[in-house]
Amino acid sequence: MKVKEFFVSNYRKCWEFFIESRWFFVFAFGLFALTFLIGFAYPVFFRAEIFELIRELILKFEGKGMMGMVVLIFLNNLWASFMAMVLGVLLGVFPLVTCIVNGYLLGFVAREAVMREGIWTLWRILPHGIFELPAVLFSIGIGLKLGMSVVGGRWSVKKGKGSVGYVFREGVRFFVFVIFPLLVVAGIVEGILIGMG
């Protein structure tokens, strides 16, 4: 198979899987948006824990150059996205919790940033988020779809759509050809933003 045919074939299958999974992606986006708004409007839950987490992250990145930070952020995002997808097999609980926690956390941090530096500070993270957030939400959506397949008892590894085997196989394909490139671009954009900062 030629290289062009290889990519065309895989991206066609990714598009088909995207259409099949669209309502899981919509649900993930809606839940994330809701918890983001809660974190932004009512940043009263787990304040001490979140500030401690932020402090630990700052220490983790301290002393690293721009490329070191970008690589570390990219690898963290890659790992978190992959786990959100794969651990969906545990009845979809992990991706659901991941979505809620990340939405609230980002809303909380956005509120703190706006309070300290003004609303325009959000524009600095927007270009990065345009690529990273869809990647994370796609992973969560696939994890939820995988969890629903398990709940439905569709353990057949045959080609039947909706089976655990099918969702896992197509989810991994989607991860490799769609999510991974999005995270790479997000990492590059973040590197540029860090360099400009």
C-alpha atoms as a PDB file:
ATOM      1  CA  MET A   1       0.000   0.000   0.000  1.00  0.00           C
ATOM      2  CA  LYS A   2       1.370   3.398  -0.944  1.00  0.00           C
ATOM      3  CA  VAL A   3       1.912   6.038   1.710  1.00  0.00           C
ATOM      4  CA  LYS A   4      -0.842   8.271   0.346  1.00  0.00           C
ATOM      5  CA  GLU A   5      -3.342   5.411   0.238  1.00  0.00           C
ATOM      6  CA  PHE A   6      -2.330   4.413   3.768  1.00  0.00           C
ATOM      7  CA  PHE A   7      -3.113   7.858   5.163  1.00  0.00           C
ATOM      8  CA  VAL A   8      -6.258   8.352   3.075  1.00  0.00           C
ATOM      9  CA  SER A   9      -7.613   4.989   4.210  1.00  0.00           C
ATOM     10  CA  ASN A  10      -6.878   5.627   7.884  1.00  0.00           C
ATOM     11  CA  TYR A  11      -8.255   9.163   7.899  1.00  0.00           C
ATOM     12  CA  ARG A  12     -11.408   7.965   6.159  1.00  0.00           C
ATOM     13  CA  LYS A  13     -11.905   5.402   8.928  1.00  0.00           C
ATOM     14  CA  CYS A  14     -11.176   8.090  11.539  1.00  0.00           C
ATOM     15  CA  TRP A  15     -13.856  10.293   9.995  1.00  0.00           C
ATOM     16  CA  GLU A  16     -16.367   7.427  10.041  1.00  0.00           C
ATOM     17  CA  PHE A  17     -15.530   6.743  13.689  1.00  0.00           C
ATOM     18  CA  PHE A  18     -15.885  10.439  14.479  1.00  0.00           C
ATOM     19  CA  ILE A  19     -19.404  10.467  12.989  1.00  0.00           C
ATOM     20  CA  GLU A  20     -20.339   7.313  14.927  1.00  0.00           C
ATOM     21  CA  SER A  21     -18.984   8.775  18.173  1.00  0.00           C
ATOM     22  CA  ARG A  22     -20.153  12.368  17.744  1.00  0.00           C
ATOM     23  CA  TRP A  23     -22.683  12.327  20.596  1.00  0.00           C
ATOM     24  CA  PHE A  24     -20.032  11.074  23.015  1.00  0.00           C
ATOM     25  CA  PHE A  25     -17.829  13.990  21.941  1.00  0.00           C
ATOM     26  CA  VAL A  26     -20.756  16.406  22.319  1.00  0.00           C
ATOM     27  CA  PHE A  27     -21.471  15.037  25.808  1.00  0.00           C
ATOM     28  CA  ALA A  28     -17.785  15.368  26.807  1.00  0.00           C
ATOM     29  CA  PHE A  29     -17.709  18.955  25.530  1.00  0.00           C
ATOM     30  CA  GLY A  30     -20.964  19.844  27.303  1.00  0.00           C
ATOM     31  CA  LEU A  31     -19.860  18.345  30.621  1.00  0.00           C
ATOM     32  CA  PHE A  32     -16.474  20.052  30.357  1.00  0.00           C
ATOM     33  CA  ALA A  33     -18.107  23.410  29.567  1.00  0.00           C
ATOM     34  CA  LEU A  34     -20.512  23.039  32.499  1.00  0.00           C
ATOM     35  CA  THR A  35     -17.787  22.196  35.010  1.00  0.00           C
ATOM     36  CA  PHE A  36     -15.575  24.960  33.571  1.00  0.00           C
ATOM     37  CA  LEU A  37     -18.354  27.482  34.208  1.00  0.00           C
ATOM     38  CA  ILE A  38     -18.818  26.148  37.745  1.00  0.00           C
ATOM     39  CA  GLY A  39     -15.073  26.462  38.387  1.00  0.00           C
ATOM     40  CA  PHE A  40     -15.048  29.990  36.960  1.00  0.00           C
ATOM     41  CA  ALA A  41     -18.218  31.272  38.623  1.00  0.00           C
ATOM     42  CA  TYR A  42     -17.987  29.385  41.941  1.00  0.00           C
ATOM     43  CA  PRO A  43     -14.307  28.664  42.672  1.00  0.00           C
ATOM     44  CA  VAL A  44     -15.041  27.532  46.205  1.00  0.00           C
ATOM     45  CA  PHE A  45     -14.394  23.786  46.067  1.00  0.00           C
ATOM     46  CA  PHE A  46     -10.963  22.291  46.886  1.00  0.00           C
ATOM     47  CA  ARG A  47      -9.209  25.681  46.882  1.00  0.00           C
ATOM     48  CA  ALA A  48      -6.339  24.567  49.111  1.00  0.00           C
ATOM     49  CA  GLU A  49      -5.799  21.372  47.120  1.00  0.00           C
ATOM     50  CA  ILE A  50      -5.779  23.223  43.794  1.00  0.00           C
ATOM     51  CA  PHE A  51      -3.279  25.838  45.000  1.00  0.00           C
ATOM     52  CA  GLU A  52      -1.072  23.024  46.302  1.00  0.00           C
ATOM     53  CA  LEU A  53      -1.302  21.281  42.928  1.00  0.00           C
ATOM     54  CA  ILE A  54      -0.333  24.504  41.150  1.00  0.00           C
ATOM     55  CA  ARG A  55       2.615  24.948  43.511  1.00  0.00           C
ATOM     56  CA  GLU A  56       3.798  21.395  42.768  1.00  0.00           C
ATOM     57  CA  LEU A  57       3.492  22.004  39.012  1.00  0.00           C
ATOM     58  CA  ILE A  58       5.544  25.200  39.277  1.00  0.00           C
ATOM     59  CA  LEU A  59       8.265  23.300  41.152  1.00  0.00           C
ATOM     60  CA  LYS A  60       8.146  20.523  38.552  1.00  0.00           C
ATOM     61  CA  PHE A  61       8.821  22.983  35.718  1.00  0.00           C
ATOM     62  CA  GLU A  62      11.295  25.120  37.636  1.00  0.00           C
ATOM     63  CA  GLY A  63      14.733  25.331  36.054  1.00  0.00           C
ATOM     64  CA  LYS A  64      13.672  23.742  32.771  1.00  0.00           C
ATOM     65  CA  GLY A  65      14.356  25.475  29.479  1.00  0.00           C
ATOM     66  CA  MET A  66      11.631  26.274  26.979  1.00  0.00           C
ATOM     67  CA  MET A  67      12.026  22.994  25.077  1.00  0.00           C
ATOM     68  CA  GLY A  68      12.157  20.995  28.292  1.00  0.00           C
ATOM     69  CA  MET A  69       8.892  22.549  29.440  1.00  0.00           C
ATOM     70  CA  VAL A  70       7.203  21.953  26.088  1.00  0.00           C
ATOM     71  CA  VAL A  71       8.292  18.306  25.983  1.00  0.00           C
ATOM     72  CA  LEU A  72       7.180  17.722  29.574  1.00  0.00           C
ATOM     73  CA  ILE A  73       3.783  19.354  28.971  1.00  0.00           C
ATOM     74  CA  PHE A  74       3.353  17.386  25.731  1.00  0.00           C
ATOM     75  CA  LEU A  75       4.189  14.054  27.405  1.00  0.00           C
ATOM     76  CA  ASN A  76       1.857  14.808  30.333  1.00  0.00           C
ATOM     77  CA  ASN A  77      -0.982  15.661  27.946  1.00  0.00           C
ATOM     78  CA  LEU A  78      -0.264  12.593  25.825  1.00  0.00           C
ATOM     79  CA  TRP A  79      -0.316  10.284  28.833  1.00  0.00           C
ATOM     80  CA  ALA A  80      -3.436  11.874  30.346  1.00  0.00           C
ATOM     81  CA  SER A  81      -5.301  11.684  27.022  1.00  0.00           C
ATOM     82  CA  PHE A  82      -4.315   8.068  26.425  1.00  0.00           C
ATOM     83  CA  MET A  83      -5.365   7.030  29.931  1.00  0.00           C
ATOM     84  CA  ALA A  84      -8.692   8.887  29.603  1.00  0.00           C
ATOM     85  CA  MET A  85      -9.380   6.805  26.506  1.00  0.00           C
ATOM     86  CA  VAL A  86      -8.058   3.374  27.521  1.00  0.00           C
ATOM     87  CA  LEU A  87      -9.362   3.391  31.102  1.00  0.00           C
ATOM     88  CA  GLY A  88     -12.835   3.993  29.731  1.00  0.00           C
ATOM     89  CA  VAL A  89     -13.000   0.212  29.723  1.00  0.00           C
ATOM     90  CA  LEU A  90     -13.648   0.503  33.481  1.00  0.00           C
ATOM     91  CA  LEU A  91     -17.302   1.342  32.801  1.00  0.00           C
ATOM     92  CA  GLY A  92     -16.437   4.851  31.600  1.00  0.00           C
ATOM     93  CA  VAL A  93     -15.849   6.125  35.151  1.00  0.00           C
ATOM     94  CA  PHE A  94     -12.281   7.381  34.635  1.00  0.00           C
ATOM     95  CA  PRO A  95     -12.959   9.560  31.555  1.00  0.00           C
ATOM     96  CA  LEU A  96     -16.086  10.943  33.243  1.00  0.00           C
ATOM     97  CA  VAL A  97     -14.121  11.959  36.346  1.00  0.00           C
ATOM     98  CA  THR A  98     -11.281  13.286  34.166  1.00  0.00           C
ATOM     99  CA  CYS A  99     -13.720  15.516  32.303  1.00  0.00           C
ATOM    100  CA  ILE A 100     -15.297  16.900  35.478  1.00  0.00           C
ATOM    101  CA  VAL A 101     -11.981  17.504  37.264  1.00  0.00           C
ATOM    102  CA  ASN A 102     -10.265  19.115  34.276  1.00  0.00           C
ATOM    103  CA  GLY A 103     -13.246  21.335  33.493  1.00  0.00           C
ATOM    104  CA  TYR A 104     -13.508  22.607  37.062  1.00  0.00           C
ATOM    105  CA  LEU A 105      -9.734  22.991  37.417  1.00  0.00           C
ATOM    106  CA  LEU A 106      -9.384  24.983  34.200  1.00  0.00           C
ATOM    107  CA  GLY A 107     -12.339  27.189  35.147  1.00  0.00           C
ATOM    108  CA  PHE A 108     -10.824  27.778  38.581  1.00  0.00           C
ATOM    109  CA  VAL A 109      -7.399  28.677  37.158  1.00  0.00           C
ATOM    110  CA  ALA A 110      -8.953  30.897  34.466  1.00  0.00           C
ATOM    111  CA  ARG A 111     -10.863  32.805  37.187  1.00  0.00           C
ATOM    112  CA  GLU A 112      -7.682  33.305  39.217  1.00  0.00           C
ATOM    113  CA  ALA A 113      -5.780  34.497  36.120  1.00  0.00           C
ATOM    114  CA  VAL A 114      -8.519  36.972  35.207  1.00  0.00           C
ATOM    115  CA  MET A 115      -8.702  38.309  38.767  1.00  0.00           C
ATOM    116  CA  ARG A 116      -4.947  38.881  38.858  1.00  0.00           C
ATOM    117  CA  GLU A 117      -4.127  39.978  35.308  1.00  0.00           C
ATOM    118  CA  GLY A 118      -7.427  40.869  33.652  1.00  0.00           C
ATOM    119  CA  ILE A 119      -9.630  39.235  31.031  1.00  0.00           C
ATOM    120  CA  TRP A 120      -7.052  39.629  28.254  1.00  0.00           C
ATOM    121  CA  THR A 121      -4.811  37.053  29.876  1.00  0.00           C
ATOM    122  CA  LEU A 122      -7.170  34.379  28.503  1.00  0.00           C
ATOM    123  CA  TRP A 123      -6.159  35.301  24.946  1.00  0.00           C
ATOM    124  CA  ARG A 124      -2.634  34.083  25.691  1.00  0.00           C
ATOM    125  CA  ILE A 125      -3.815  30.524  26.320  1.00  0.00           C
ATOM    126  CA  LEU A 126      -6.516  30.446  23.638  1.00  0.00           C
ATOM    127  CA  PRO A 127      -4.241  29.446  20.697  1.00  0.00           C
ATOM    128  CA  HIS A 128      -2.843  26.562  22.727  1.00  0.00           C
ATOM    129  CA  GLY A 129      -6.275  25.446  23.949  1.00  0.00           C
ATOM    130  CA  ILE A 130      -7.696  25.378  20.413  1.00  0.00           C
ATOM    131  CA  PHE A 131      -5.622  22.246  19.759  1.00  0.00           C
ATOM    132  CA  GLU A 132      -5.197  20.707  23.200  1.00  0.00           C
ATOM    133  CA  LEU A 133      -8.815  20.817  24.390  1.00  0.00           C
ATOM    134  CA  PRO A 134     -10.282  18.985  21.370  1.00  0.00           C
ATOM    135  CA  ALA A 135      -7.571  16.323  21.739  1.00  0.00           C
ATOM    136  CA  VAL A 136      -8.402  15.785  25.412  1.00  0.00           C
ATOM    137  CA  LEU A 137     -12.173  15.850  24.830  1.00  0.00           C
ATOM    138  CA  PHE A 138     -11.880  13.394  21.926  1.00  0.00           C
ATOM    139  CA  SER A 139      -9.985  11.032  24.261  1.00  0.00           C
ATOM    140  CA  ILE A 140     -12.648  11.409  26.933  1.00  0.00           C
ATOM    141  CA  GLY A 141     -15.428  10.830  24.398  1.00  0.00           C
ATOM    142  CA  ILE A 142     -13.794   7.642  23.138  1.00  0.00           C
ATOM    143  CA  GLY A 143     -13.292   6.493  26.730  1.00  0.00           C
ATOM    144  CA  LEU A 144     -16.998   7.054  27.415  1.00  0.00           C
ATOM    145  CA  LYS A 145     -17.949   5.147  24.262  1.00  0.00           C
ATOM    146  CA  LEU A 146     -15.670   2.309  25.323  1.00  0.00           C
ATOM    147  CA  GLY A 147     -17.301   2.300  28.758  1.00  0.00           C
ATOM    148  CA  MET A 148     -20.769   2.119  27.208  1.00  0.00           C
ATOM    149  CA  SER A 149     -19.668  -0.845  25.118  1.00  0.00           C
ATOM    150  CA  VAL A 150     -18.580  -2.622  28.296  1.00  0.00           C
ATOM    151  CA  VAL A 151     -21.823  -1.725  30.093  1.00  0.00           C
ATOM    152  CA  GLY A 152     -23.759  -3.063  27.100  1.00  0.00           C
ATOM    153  CA  GLY A 153     -21.890  -6.367  27.368  1.00  0.00           C
ATOM    154  CA  ARG A 154     -20.563  -6.078  23.834  1.00  0.00           C
ATOM    155  CA  TRP A 155     -17.363  -8.012  24.431  1.00  0.00           C
ATOM    156  CA  SER A 156     -17.114  -9.464  20.945  1.00  0.00           C
ATOM    157  CA  VAL A 157     -13.784  -8.624  19.346  1.00  0.00           C
ATOM    158  CA  LYS A 158     -15.310  -9.075  15.911  1.00  0.00           C
ATOM    159  CA  LYS A 159     -15.869  -6.178  13.545  1.00  0.00           C
ATOM    160  CA  GLY A 160     -19.349  -5.407  14.853  1.00  0.00           C
ATOM    161  CA  LYS A 161     -19.702  -1.689  15.453  1.00  0.00           C
ATOM    162  CA  GLY A 162     -20.258  -0.897  19.099  1.00  0.00           C
ATOM    163  CA  SER A 163     -18.326  -3.917  20.375  1.00  0.00           C
ATOM    164  CA  VAL A 164     -15.507  -3.347  22.849  1.00  0.00           C
ATOM    165  CA  GLY A 165     -12.948  -4.669  20.379  1.00  0.00           C
ATOM    166  CA  TYR A 166     -14.178  -2.418  17.579  1.00  0.00           C
ATOM    167  CA  VAL A 167     -14.323   0.723  19.742  1.00  0.00           C
ATOM    168  CA  PHE A 168     -10.876   0.040  21.185  1.00  0.00           C
ATOM    169  CA  ARG A 169      -9.294  -0.617  17.771  1.00  0.00           C
ATOM    170  CA  GLU A 170     -10.872   2.411  16.112  1.00  0.00           C
ATOM    171  CA  GLY A 171     -10.205   4.523  19.207  1.00  0.00           C
ATOM    172  CA  VAL A 172      -6.495   3.736  19.023  1.00  0.00           C
ATOM    173  CA  ARG A 173      -6.502   4.561  15.302  1.00  0.00           C
ATOM    174  CA  PHE A 174      -8.221   7.881  16.053  1.00  0.00           C
ATOM    175  CA  PHE A 175      -5.694   8.560  18.805  1.00  0.00           C
ATOM    176  CA  VAL A 176      -2.719   7.962  16.501  1.00  0.00           C
ATOM    177  CA  PHE A 177      -3.993   9.877  13.478  1.00  0.00           C
ATOM    178  CA  VAL A 178      -6.008  12.702  15.078  1.00  0.00           C
ATOM    179  CA  ILE A 179      -5.325  13.176  18.794  1.00  0.00           C
ATOM    180  CA  PHE A 180      -1.544  12.731  18.682  1.00  0.00           C
ATOM    181  CA  PRO A 181      -1.059  15.351  15.897  1.00  0.00           C
ATOM    182  CA  LEU A 182      -3.320  17.796  17.756  1.00  0.00           C
ATOM    183  CA  LEU A 183      -1.184  17.423  20.876  1.00  0.00           C
ATOM    184  CA  VAL A 184       1.999  17.921  18.850  1.00  0.00           C
ATOM    185  CA  VAL A 185       0.643  21.173  17.382  1.00  0.00           C
ATOM    186  CA  ALA A 186      -0.536  22.268  20.854  1.00  0.00           C
ATOM    187  CA  GLY A 187       2.981  21.646  22.182  1.00  0.00           C
ATOM    188  CA  ILE A 188       4.572  23.692  19.385  1.00  0.00           C
ATOM    189  CA  VAL A 189       2.130  26.572  19.898  1.00  0.00           C
ATOM    190  CA  GLU A 190       2.754  26.462  23.646  1.00  0.00           C
ATOM    191  CA  GLY A 191       6.506  26.587  22.993  1.00  0.00           C
ATOM    192  CA  ILE A 192       6.037  29.719  20.872  1.00  0.00           C
ATOM    193  CA  LEU A 193       3.862  31.328  23.560  1.00  0.00           C
ATOM    194  CA  ILE A 194       6.391  30.512  26.277  1.00  0.00           C
ATOM    195  CA  GLY A 195       9.149  31.962  24.091  1.00  0.00           C
ATOM    196  CA  MET A 196       7.141  35.140  23.537  1.00  0.00           C
ATOM    197  CA  GLY A 197       6.365  35.399  27.249  1.00  0.00           C
END
